[in-house]
Amino acid sequence: MPVEKLFSNIYKEYYSKAFRFANLYVRNDMVAEDIAAESLVKLWETMKKECVEKPSSLLLTILKRKSLDYLRSQSRAQQVFEDLENWRQRELLIRISTLDACDPEYVFSNEIRKILRDTLSQLPSQTRKAFVLSRFEHKSGKEIAQILGISVKGVDYHIAKAVSALRVSLKDYLPFIPFLFSFYY
């Protein structure tokens, strides 16, 4: 019997059973079709190399392994999703508790304003001016460049330099910095 005919016979005889078996566990028609087809090909490849006395037993073993591989990969993916969701939940609870514990008197304390003023006063004049115009006067990069007589890239450099210095000075107050910059200088 030609090789193609033999494979066709095996396919016709076992595909339906293989599909039902795989689908019983993976519960996804498309995945079950893939597992059944791949398992039949694996059975066929094995039969070409060696004599297989019980093809249905070997097919069942192949189907079992492929179904288990799929289910294990799904389980790992589900675990990653759950871990991510747990992380998101913890992060949300932290944000809620941080905001709940936020004391406006503390946020707007003289200490923070003093650190902000001191840090800005220590910056080079051009850097301080670019930052103040950007963050407190809400000027665009182009507007600042015209006012200071420098390029827009120069403005970006000075603002980045100021932000970097303020990050260091206000590291203990970082969650409140956007709020502070909108109200104080």
N, C-alpha and C. Protein backbone atom coordinates (compact mmCIF):
# COMPACT_ATOMS: atom_id res chain seq x y z
N MET A 1 0.86 -1.18 0.00
CA MET A 1 0.00 0.00 0.00
C MET A 1 0.90 1.24 0.00
N PRO A 2 0.59 2.24 -0.85
CA PRO A 2 1.39 3.47 -0.91
C PRO A 2 1.37 4.19 0.46
N VAL A 3 2.44 4.89 0.72
CA VAL A 3 2.61 5.59 2.00
C VAL A 3 1.48 6.60 2.23
N GLU A 4 1.14 7.35 1.18
CA GLU A 4 0.09 8.37 1.31
C GLU A 4 -1.25 7.73 1.65
N LYS A 5 -1.54 6.63 1.05
CA LYS A 5 -2.80 5.92 1.29
C LYS A 5 -2.86 5.41 2.73
N LEU A 6 -1.74 4.90 3.21
CA LEU A 6 -1.68 4.39 4.59
C LEU A 6 -1.93 5.54 5.57
N PHE A 7 -1.30 6.69 5.33
CA PHE A 7 -1.52 7.84 6.21
C PHE A 7 -2.97 8.28 6.15
N SER A 8 -3.53 8.30 4.96
CA SER A 8 -4.93 8.69 4.79
C SER A 8 -5.85 7.78 5.59
N ASN A 9 -5.57 6.51 5.57
CA ASN A 9 -6.39 5.54 6.32
C ASN A 9 -6.27 5.79 7.83
N ILE A 10 -5.05 6.02 8.28
CA ILE A 10 -4.85 6.29 9.71
C ILE A 10 -5.59 7.57 10.10
N TYR A 11 -5.47 8.58 9.26
CA TYR A 11 -6.12 9.86 9.52
C TYR A 11 -7.63 9.69 9.62
N LYS A 12 -8.21 8.97 8.65
CA LYS A 12 -9.66 8.75 8.64
C LYS A 12 -10.11 7.95 9.86
N GLU A 13 -9.32 6.97 10.24
CA GLU A 13 -9.71 6.10 11.34
C GLU A 13 -9.60 6.79 12.70
N TYR A 14 -8.57 7.61 12.89
CA TYR A 14 -8.30 8.12 14.23
C TYR A 14 -8.57 9.61 14.46
N TYR A 15 -8.73 10.40 13.40
CA TYR A 15 -8.82 11.84 13.61
C TYR A 15 -10.00 12.22 14.52
N SER A 16 -11.17 11.72 14.25
CA SER A 16 -12.35 12.08 15.02
C SER A 16 -12.18 11.75 16.50
N LYS A 17 -11.65 10.57 16.78
CA LYS A 17 -11.42 10.17 18.18
C LYS A 17 -10.35 11.05 18.82
N ALA A 18 -9.29 11.33 18.07
CA ALA A 18 -8.20 12.15 18.59
C ALA A 18 -8.71 13.56 18.90
N PHE A 19 -9.50 14.12 18.01
CA PHE A 19 -10.06 15.45 18.22
C PHE A 19 -10.93 15.47 19.48
N ARG A 20 -11.84 14.51 19.61
CA ARG A 20 -12.73 14.47 20.78
C ARG A 20 -11.93 14.32 22.07
N PHE A 21 -10.91 13.48 22.05
CA PHE A 21 -10.09 13.28 23.25
C PHE A 21 -9.40 14.60 23.64
N ALA A 22 -8.75 15.23 22.69
CA ALA A 22 -8.04 16.48 22.98
C ALA A 22 -9.02 17.56 23.43
N ASN A 23 -10.13 17.68 22.76
CA ASN A 23 -11.10 18.72 23.08
C ASN A 23 -11.73 18.50 24.45
N LEU A 24 -11.83 17.26 24.89
CA LEU A 24 -12.35 16.96 26.21
C LEU A 24 -11.52 17.66 27.28
N TYR A 25 -10.22 17.78 27.05
CA TYR A 25 -9.34 18.40 28.03
C TYR A 25 -9.02 19.86 27.75
N VAL A 26 -8.74 20.19 26.50
CA VAL A 26 -8.34 21.58 26.21
C VAL A 26 -9.53 22.51 26.04
N ARG A 27 -10.67 21.97 25.70
CA ARG A 27 -11.92 22.73 25.57
C ARG A 27 -11.80 23.94 24.65
N ASN A 28 -11.15 23.68 23.51
CA ASN A 28 -10.99 24.72 22.50
C ASN A 28 -10.89 23.98 21.18
N ASP A 29 -11.90 24.14 20.32
CA ASP A 29 -11.95 23.38 19.07
C ASP A 29 -10.70 23.56 18.21
N MET A 30 -10.26 24.79 18.05
CA MET A 30 -9.10 25.02 17.18
C MET A 30 -7.84 24.37 17.75
N VAL A 31 -7.64 24.49 19.04
CA VAL A 31 -6.47 23.88 19.67
C VAL A 31 -6.58 22.36 19.59
N ALA A 32 -7.77 21.84 19.82
CA ALA A 32 -7.97 20.39 19.74
C ALA A 32 -7.69 19.88 18.33
N GLU A 33 -8.10 20.65 17.32
CA GLU A 33 -7.81 20.26 15.93
C GLU A 33 -6.30 20.21 15.70
N ASP A 34 -5.60 21.22 16.18
CA ASP A 34 -4.14 21.25 16.02
C ASP A 34 -3.48 20.07 16.74
N ILE A 35 -3.90 19.83 17.96
CA ILE A 35 -3.32 18.72 18.73
C ILE A 35 -3.59 17.39 18.04
N ALA A 36 -4.81 17.20 17.57
CA ALA A 36 -5.17 15.94 16.89
C ALA A 36 -4.32 15.77 15.62
N ALA A 37 -4.23 16.82 14.82
CA ALA A 37 -3.46 16.73 13.57
C ALA A 37 -1.98 16.49 13.86
N GLU A 38 -1.40 17.25 14.80
CA GLU A 38 0.02 17.09 15.15
C GLU A 38 0.28 15.69 15.70
N SER A 39 -0.64 15.18 16.48
CA SER A 39 -0.48 13.85 17.07
C SER A 39 -0.52 12.77 16.00
N LEU A 40 -1.41 12.93 15.03
CA LEU A 40 -1.48 11.96 13.94
C LEU A 40 -0.21 11.98 13.09
N VAL A 41 0.32 13.17 12.87
CA VAL A 41 1.57 13.28 12.12
C VAL A 41 2.69 12.61 12.90
N LYS A 42 2.75 12.85 14.20
CA LYS A 42 3.77 12.22 15.06
C LYS A 42 3.61 10.70 15.03
N LEU A 43 2.39 10.22 15.11
CA LEU A 43 2.14 8.77 15.03
C LEU A 43 2.64 8.24 13.70
N TRP A 44 2.32 8.94 12.63
CA TRP A 44 2.73 8.51 11.29
C TRP A 44 4.25 8.47 11.17
N GLU A 45 4.92 9.51 11.67
CA GLU A 45 6.39 9.56 11.61
C GLU A 45 7.00 8.39 12.38
N THR A 46 6.42 8.08 13.51
CA THR A 46 6.91 6.95 14.32
C THR A 46 6.70 5.64 13.58
N MET A 47 5.53 5.51 12.96
CA MET A 47 5.21 4.27 12.24
C MET A 47 6.13 4.08 11.03
N LYS A 48 6.60 5.17 10.44
CA LYS A 48 7.52 5.05 9.30
C LYS A 48 8.89 4.53 9.77
N LYS A 49 9.27 4.84 11.00
CA LYS A 49 10.58 4.46 11.51
C LYS A 49 10.60 3.07 12.13
N GLU A 50 9.50 2.70 12.76
CA GLU A 50 9.48 1.43 13.49
C GLU A 50 8.10 0.80 13.43
N CYS A 51 8.05 -0.43 13.78
CA CYS A 51 6.78 -1.17 13.79
C CYS A 51 6.01 -0.80 15.05
N VAL A 52 4.77 -0.39 14.87
CA VAL A 52 3.93 -0.02 16.00
C VAL A 52 2.78 -1.02 16.05
N GLU A 53 2.79 -1.82 17.13
CA GLU A 53 1.77 -2.87 17.24
C GLU A 53 0.40 -2.31 17.61
N LYS A 54 0.38 -1.29 18.47
CA LYS A 54 -0.90 -0.72 18.92
C LYS A 54 -0.90 0.79 18.63
N PRO A 55 -1.24 1.16 17.40
CA PRO A 55 -1.22 2.59 17.04
C PRO A 55 -2.15 3.43 17.92
N SER A 56 -3.28 2.87 18.31
CA SER A 56 -4.23 3.65 19.11
C SER A 56 -3.63 3.97 20.49
N SER A 57 -2.88 3.06 21.06
CA SER A 57 -2.24 3.31 22.37
C SER A 57 -1.16 4.38 22.23
N LEU A 58 -0.36 4.27 21.20
CA LEU A 58 0.68 5.26 20.97
C LEU A 58 0.05 6.63 20.70
N LEU A 59 -1.01 6.66 19.90
CA LEU A 59 -1.70 7.92 19.60
C LEU A 59 -2.24 8.54 20.89
N LEU A 60 -2.82 7.73 21.75
CA LEU A 60 -3.35 8.23 23.01
C LEU A 60 -2.22 8.84 23.86
N THR A 61 -1.07 8.21 23.88
CA THR A 61 0.08 8.74 24.63
C THR A 61 0.52 10.08 24.05
N ILE A 62 0.59 10.16 22.74
CA ILE A 62 0.99 11.40 22.07
C ILE A 62 -0.03 12.50 22.35
N LEU A 63 -1.31 12.16 22.23
CA LEU A 63 -2.38 13.13 22.51
C LEU A 63 -2.31 13.63 23.95
N LYS A 64 -2.09 12.70 24.85
CA LYS A 64 -1.99 13.06 26.27
C LYS A 64 -0.85 14.06 26.48
N ARG A 65 0.32 13.78 25.94
CA ARG A 65 1.48 14.66 26.12
C ARG A 65 1.23 16.05 25.53
N LYS A 66 0.68 16.08 24.33
CA LYS A 66 0.44 17.37 23.68
C LYS A 66 -0.65 18.16 24.41
N SER A 67 -1.66 17.47 24.88
CA SER A 67 -2.72 18.15 25.64
C SER A 67 -2.18 18.67 26.96
N LEU A 68 -1.36 17.87 27.63
CA LEU A 68 -0.75 18.31 28.88
C LEU A 68 0.17 19.51 28.65
N ASP A 69 0.95 19.48 27.58
CA ASP A 69 1.83 20.62 27.27
C ASP A 69 1.01 21.89 27.09
N TYR A 70 -0.09 21.77 26.35
CA TYR A 70 -0.94 22.93 26.13
C TYR A 70 -1.55 23.43 27.45
N LEU A 71 -2.10 22.51 28.24
CA LEU A 71 -2.73 22.90 29.50
C LEU A 71 -1.72 23.51 30.47
N ARG A 72 -0.50 22.97 30.50
CA ARG A 72 0.53 23.54 31.37
C ARG A 72 0.91 24.95 30.92
N SER A 73 1.00 25.15 29.61
CA SER A 73 1.34 26.50 29.13
C SER A 73 0.20 27.47 29.45
N GLN A 74 -1.03 27.00 29.36
CA GLN A 74 -2.18 27.84 29.72
C GLN A 74 -2.15 28.16 31.21
N SER A 75 -1.79 27.17 32.01
CA SER A 75 -1.71 27.37 33.45
C SER A 75 -0.65 28.40 33.80
N ARG A 76 0.52 28.31 33.14
CA ARG A 76 1.59 29.29 33.38
C ARG A 76 1.13 30.69 32.96
N ALA A 77 0.48 30.78 31.82
CA ALA A 77 -0.01 32.08 31.34
C ALA A 77 -1.04 32.65 32.31
N GLN A 78 -1.92 31.79 32.81
CA GLN A 78 -2.93 32.23 33.77
C GLN A 78 -2.27 32.70 35.07
N GLN A 79 -1.21 32.01 35.50
CA GLN A 79 -0.50 32.40 36.71
C GLN A 79 0.16 33.77 36.54
N VAL A 80 0.75 34.00 35.38
CA VAL A 80 1.37 35.30 35.09
C VAL A 80 0.30 36.38 35.13
N PHE A 81 -0.84 36.11 34.51
CA PHE A 81 -1.93 37.08 34.50
C PHE A 81 -2.40 37.38 35.93
N GLU A 82 -2.56 36.33 36.74
CA GLU A 82 -3.01 36.51 38.12
C GLU A 82 -1.97 37.29 38.94
N ASP A 83 -0.68 36.98 38.72
CA ASP A 83 0.37 37.72 39.42
C ASP A 83 0.33 39.20 39.05
N LEU A 84 0.15 39.47 37.77
CA LEU A 84 0.07 40.85 37.32
C LEU A 84 -1.14 41.55 37.93
N GLU A 85 -2.25 40.85 37.95
CA GLU A 85 -3.47 41.42 38.52
C GLU A 85 -3.30 41.66 40.02
N ASN A 86 -2.63 40.74 40.73
CA ASN A 86 -2.36 40.94 42.16
C ASN A 86 -1.45 42.14 42.37
N TRP A 87 -0.43 42.28 41.51
CA TRP A 87 0.46 43.42 41.62
C TRP A 87 -0.32 44.72 41.41
N ARG A 88 -1.18 44.73 40.40
CA ARG A 88 -1.99 45.93 40.13
C ARG A 88 -2.88 46.26 41.33
N GLN A 89 -3.45 45.24 41.94
CA GLN A 89 -4.32 45.45 43.10
C GLN A 89 -3.52 46.02 44.27
N ARG A 90 -2.33 45.47 44.52
CA ARG A 90 -1.48 45.98 45.61
C ARG A 90 -1.08 47.43 45.33
N GLU A 91 -0.71 47.71 44.07
CA GLU A 91 -0.31 49.05 43.70
C GLU A 91 -1.47 50.03 43.89
N LEU A 92 -2.67 49.62 43.53
CA LEU A 92 -3.86 50.46 43.71
C LEU A 92 -4.10 50.72 45.20
N LEU A 93 -3.98 49.69 46.02
CA LEU A 93 -4.18 49.86 47.47
C LEU A 93 -3.12 50.80 48.06
N ILE A 94 -1.90 50.71 47.56
CA ILE A 94 -0.85 51.62 48.02
C ILE A 94 -1.19 53.05 47.66
N ARG A 95 -1.65 53.26 46.41
CA ARG A 95 -2.03 54.61 46.01
C ARG A 95 -3.18 55.14 46.85
N ILE A 96 -4.15 54.28 47.14
CA ILE A 96 -5.29 54.69 47.96
C ILE A 96 -4.81 55.06 49.36
N SER A 97 -3.99 54.21 49.96
CA SER A 97 -3.53 54.50 51.33
C SER A 97 -2.62 55.72 51.37
N THR A 98 -1.80 55.91 50.34
CA THR A 98 -0.93 57.08 50.29
C THR A 98 -1.76 58.36 50.18
N LEU A 99 -2.73 58.33 49.31
CA LEU A 99 -3.59 59.49 49.15
C LEU A 99 -4.43 59.73 50.40
N ASP A 100 -4.91 58.65 50.99
CA ASP A 100 -5.71 58.75 52.21
C ASP A 100 -4.88 59.37 53.33
N ALA A 101 -3.60 59.03 53.39
CA ALA A 101 -2.72 59.53 54.44
C ALA A 101 -2.16 60.92 54.12
N CYS A 102 -2.44 61.42 52.94
CA CYS A 102 -1.89 62.71 52.52
C CYS A 102 -2.40 63.83 53.43
N ASP A 103 -1.48 64.56 54.00
CA ASP A 103 -1.81 65.68 54.88
C ASP A 103 -1.46 66.98 54.15
N PRO A 104 -2.45 67.73 53.69
CA PRO A 104 -2.17 68.95 52.94
C PRO A 104 -1.27 69.93 53.68
N GLU A 105 -1.38 69.99 54.99
CA GLU A 105 -0.52 70.88 55.75
C GLU A 105 0.94 70.48 55.59
N TYR A 106 1.18 69.20 55.56
CA TYR A 106 2.55 68.71 55.40
C TYR A 106 3.05 68.97 53.98
N VAL A 107 2.18 68.69 53.00
CA VAL A 107 2.57 68.85 51.61
C VAL A 107 2.96 70.29 51.31
N PHE A 108 2.24 71.22 51.86
CA PHE A 108 2.49 72.63 51.57
C PHE A 108 3.33 73.30 52.65
N SER A 109 4.08 72.52 53.35
CA SER A 109 4.87 73.07 54.45
C SER A 109 5.95 74.00 53.95
N ASN A 110 6.38 74.84 54.85
CA ASN A 110 7.47 75.78 54.54
C ASN A 110 8.74 75.03 54.18
N GLU A 111 8.93 73.86 54.76
CA GLU A 111 10.14 73.07 54.48
C GLU A 111 10.26 72.75 53.00
N ILE A 112 9.18 72.30 52.40
CA ILE A 112 9.21 71.93 50.98
C ILE A 112 9.42 73.17 50.13
N ARG A 113 8.72 74.24 50.44
CA ARG A 113 8.89 75.48 49.68
C ARG A 113 10.32 75.98 49.79
N LYS A 114 10.90 75.86 50.97
CA LYS A 114 12.27 76.31 51.18
C LYS A 114 13.25 75.46 50.35
N ILE A 115 13.06 74.13 50.34
CA ILE A 115 13.92 73.24 49.55
C ILE A 115 13.79 73.60 48.07
N LEU A 116 12.59 73.84 47.62
CA LEU A 116 12.35 74.20 46.23
C LEU A 116 13.06 75.52 45.89
N ARG A 117 12.87 76.52 46.70
CA ARG A 117 13.51 77.82 46.44
C ARG A 117 15.03 77.71 46.50
N ASP A 118 15.54 77.01 47.53
CA ASP A 118 16.99 76.87 47.67
C ASP A 118 17.60 76.16 46.48
N THR A 119 16.97 75.10 46.05
CA THR A 119 17.51 74.35 44.92
C THR A 119 17.50 75.19 43.66
N LEU A 120 16.40 75.87 43.41
CA LEU A 120 16.31 76.72 42.21
C LEU A 120 17.32 77.87 42.28
N SER A 121 17.56 78.40 43.47
CA SER A 121 18.50 79.52 43.58
C SER A 121 19.94 79.07 43.34
N GLN A 122 20.23 77.80 43.55
CA GLN A 122 21.58 77.28 43.34
C GLN A 122 21.86 76.94 41.87
N LEU A 123 20.81 76.93 41.07
CA LEU A 123 20.99 76.59 39.65
C LEU A 123 21.55 77.78 38.89
N PRO A 124 22.23 77.53 37.78
CA PRO A 124 22.67 78.65 36.94
C PRO A 124 21.45 79.46 36.50
N SER A 125 21.66 80.73 36.31
CA SER A 125 20.58 81.67 36.00
C SER A 125 19.73 81.21 34.80
N GLN A 126 20.38 80.82 33.72
CA GLN A 126 19.67 80.41 32.51
C GLN A 126 18.80 79.17 32.79
N THR A 127 19.35 78.23 33.55
CA THR A 127 18.62 76.99 33.89
C THR A 127 17.40 77.33 34.75
N ARG A 128 17.60 78.16 35.76
CA ARG A 128 16.49 78.55 36.64
C ARG A 128 15.41 79.27 35.84
N LYS A 129 15.81 80.23 34.99
CA LYS A 129 14.83 80.99 34.20
C LYS A 129 14.03 80.07 33.28
N ALA A 130 14.72 79.15 32.60
CA ALA A 130 14.02 78.23 31.69
C ALA A 130 13.01 77.38 32.45
N PHE A 131 13.41 76.90 33.61
CA PHE A 131 12.52 76.07 34.42
C PHE A 131 11.31 76.86 34.90
N VAL A 132 11.55 78.04 35.46
CA VAL A 132 10.46 78.88 35.98
C VAL A 132 9.48 79.24 34.87
N LEU A 133 10.01 79.63 33.72
CA LEU A 133 9.13 79.98 32.60
C LEU A 133 8.30 78.78 32.15
N SER A 134 8.91 77.61 32.18
CA SER A 134 8.20 76.41 31.73
C SER A 134 7.15 75.94 32.75
N ARG A 135 7.60 75.75 33.99
CA ARG A 135 6.74 75.12 34.97
C ARG A 135 5.78 76.06 35.70
N PHE A 136 6.21 77.30 35.90
CA PHE A 136 5.38 78.21 36.68
C PHE A 136 4.64 79.23 35.83
N GLU A 137 5.21 79.55 34.69
CA GLU A 137 4.54 80.51 33.81
C GLU A 137 3.93 79.83 32.59
N HIS A 138 4.12 78.52 32.50
CA HIS A 138 3.51 77.67 31.47
C HIS A 138 3.80 78.15 30.05
N LYS A 139 5.03 78.56 29.82
CA LYS A 139 5.46 78.97 28.49
C LYS A 139 5.90 77.73 27.71
N SER A 140 5.74 77.81 26.40
CA SER A 140 6.18 76.71 25.54
C SER A 140 7.68 76.78 25.35
N GLY A 141 8.25 75.70 24.87
CA GLY A 141 9.68 75.66 24.61
C GLY A 141 10.10 76.75 23.63
N LYS A 142 9.28 76.96 22.64
CA LYS A 142 9.57 77.99 21.62
C LYS A 142 9.54 79.38 22.24
N GLU A 143 8.55 79.63 23.08
CA GLU A 143 8.44 80.93 23.74
C GLU A 143 9.65 81.18 24.65
N ILE A 144 10.02 80.17 25.39
CA ILE A 144 11.17 80.30 26.30
C ILE A 144 12.44 80.55 25.50
N ALA A 145 12.60 79.84 24.41
CA ALA A 145 13.78 80.01 23.56
C ALA A 145 13.88 81.45 23.07
N GLN A 146 12.76 82.05 22.69
CA GLN A 146 12.75 83.45 22.23
C GLN A 146 13.09 84.40 23.37
N ILE A 147 12.52 84.16 24.53
CA ILE A 147 12.75 85.03 25.69
C ILE A 147 14.22 84.99 26.11
N LEU A 148 14.79 83.79 26.15
CA LEU A 148 16.16 83.62 26.63
C LEU A 148 17.21 83.74 25.53
N GLY A 149 16.77 83.77 24.28
CA GLY A 149 17.69 83.88 23.16
C GLY A 149 18.53 82.63 22.96
N ILE A 150 17.91 81.47 23.18
CA ILE A 150 18.61 80.19 22.97
C ILE A 150 17.73 79.29 22.10
N SER A 151 18.27 78.14 21.71
CA SER A 151 17.49 77.21 20.89
C SER A 151 16.49 76.44 21.76
N VAL A 152 15.51 75.82 21.12
CA VAL A 152 14.54 74.99 21.83
C VAL A 152 15.25 73.81 22.49
N LYS A 153 16.24 73.25 21.82
CA LYS A 153 17.04 72.16 22.41
C LYS A 153 17.75 72.64 23.67
N GLY A 154 18.23 73.87 23.63
CA GLY A 154 18.87 74.46 24.81
C GLY A 154 17.88 74.59 25.95
N VAL A 155 16.67 74.99 25.64
CA VAL A 155 15.62 75.08 26.65
C VAL A 155 15.38 73.70 27.27
N ASP A 156 15.26 72.69 26.41
CA ASP A 156 15.05 71.32 26.91
C ASP A 156 16.19 70.89 27.84
N TYR A 157 17.41 71.22 27.46
CA TYR A 157 18.58 70.86 28.28
C TYR A 157 18.48 71.53 29.66
N HIS A 158 18.18 72.82 29.70
CA HIS A 158 18.12 73.55 30.97
C HIS A 158 16.98 73.03 31.86
N ILE A 159 15.84 72.75 31.27
CA ILE A 159 14.71 72.23 32.05
C ILE A 159 15.05 70.86 32.61
N ALA A 160 15.65 70.00 31.80
CA ALA A 160 16.04 68.67 32.27
C ALA A 160 17.05 68.77 33.41
N LYS A 161 17.98 69.71 33.30
CA LYS A 161 18.99 69.92 34.34
C LYS A 161 18.31 70.35 35.65
N ALA A 162 17.35 71.26 35.56
CA ALA A 162 16.63 71.74 36.75
C ALA A 162 15.80 70.62 37.37
N VAL A 163 15.10 69.87 36.55
CA VAL A 163 14.28 68.76 37.05
C VAL A 163 15.16 67.73 37.76
N SER A 164 16.31 67.46 37.20
CA SER A 164 17.24 66.50 37.81
C SER A 164 17.68 66.99 39.19
N ALA A 165 18.04 68.25 39.30
CA ALA A 165 18.46 68.81 40.59
C ALA A 165 17.32 68.77 41.60
N LEU A 166 16.12 69.09 41.15
CA LEU A 166 14.97 69.07 42.06
C LEU A 166 14.61 67.65 42.50
N ARG A 167 14.79 66.70 41.62
CA ARG A 167 14.53 65.30 42.00
C ARG A 167 15.42 64.89 43.17
N VAL A 168 16.66 65.29 43.09
CA VAL A 168 17.60 64.95 44.17
C VAL A 168 17.20 65.66 45.46
N SER A 169 16.93 66.94 45.37
CA SER A 169 16.59 67.74 46.56
C SER A 169 15.27 67.32 47.19
N LEU A 170 14.33 66.96 46.37
CA LEU A 170 12.99 66.65 46.86
C LEU A 170 12.66 65.15 46.81
N LYS A 171 13.69 64.32 46.88
CA LYS A 171 13.46 62.88 46.73
C LYS A 171 12.44 62.32 47.72
N ASP A 172 12.38 62.91 48.91
CA ASP A 172 11.43 62.43 49.91
C ASP A 172 10.00 62.89 49.63
N TYR A 173 9.86 63.83 48.71
CA TYR A 173 8.54 64.41 48.42
C TYR A 173 8.09 64.14 46.99
N LEU A 174 8.76 63.22 46.29
CA LEU A 174 8.48 62.99 44.86
C LEU A 174 7.00 62.79 44.52
N PRO A 175 6.23 62.06 45.31
CA PRO A 175 4.81 61.90 44.93
C PRO A 175 4.04 63.21 44.85
N PHE A 176 4.54 64.24 45.53
CA PHE A 176 3.81 65.50 45.58
C PHE A 176 4.34 66.55 44.63
N ILE A 177 5.45 66.29 43.95
CA ILE A 177 6.10 67.30 43.11
C ILE A 177 5.17 67.85 42.03
N PRO A 178 4.44 67.04 41.27
CA PRO A 178 3.57 67.66 40.26
C PRO A 178 2.56 68.62 40.88
N PHE A 179 2.08 68.26 42.07
CA PHE A 179 1.11 69.09 42.76
C PHE A 179 1.78 70.39 43.21
N LEU A 180 2.98 70.29 43.76
CA LEU A 180 3.69 71.46 44.23
C LEU A 180 4.00 72.43 43.10
N PHE A 181 4.47 71.91 41.97
CA PHE A 181 4.88 72.76 40.88
C PHE A 181 3.71 73.53 40.30
N SER A 182 2.52 73.05 40.50
CA SER A 182 1.39 73.77 39.95
C SER A 182 0.94 74.93 40.86
N PHE A 183 1.48 74.97 42.10
CA PHE A 183 1.05 76.03 43.03
C PHE A 183 2.15 76.96 43.54
N TYR A 184 3.39 76.48 43.60
CA TYR A 184 4.41 77.25 44.30
C TYR A 184 5.61 77.57 43.47
N TYR A 185 6.21 78.65 43.81
CA TYR A 185 7.60 78.96 43.47
C TYR A 185 8.15 79.75 44.61
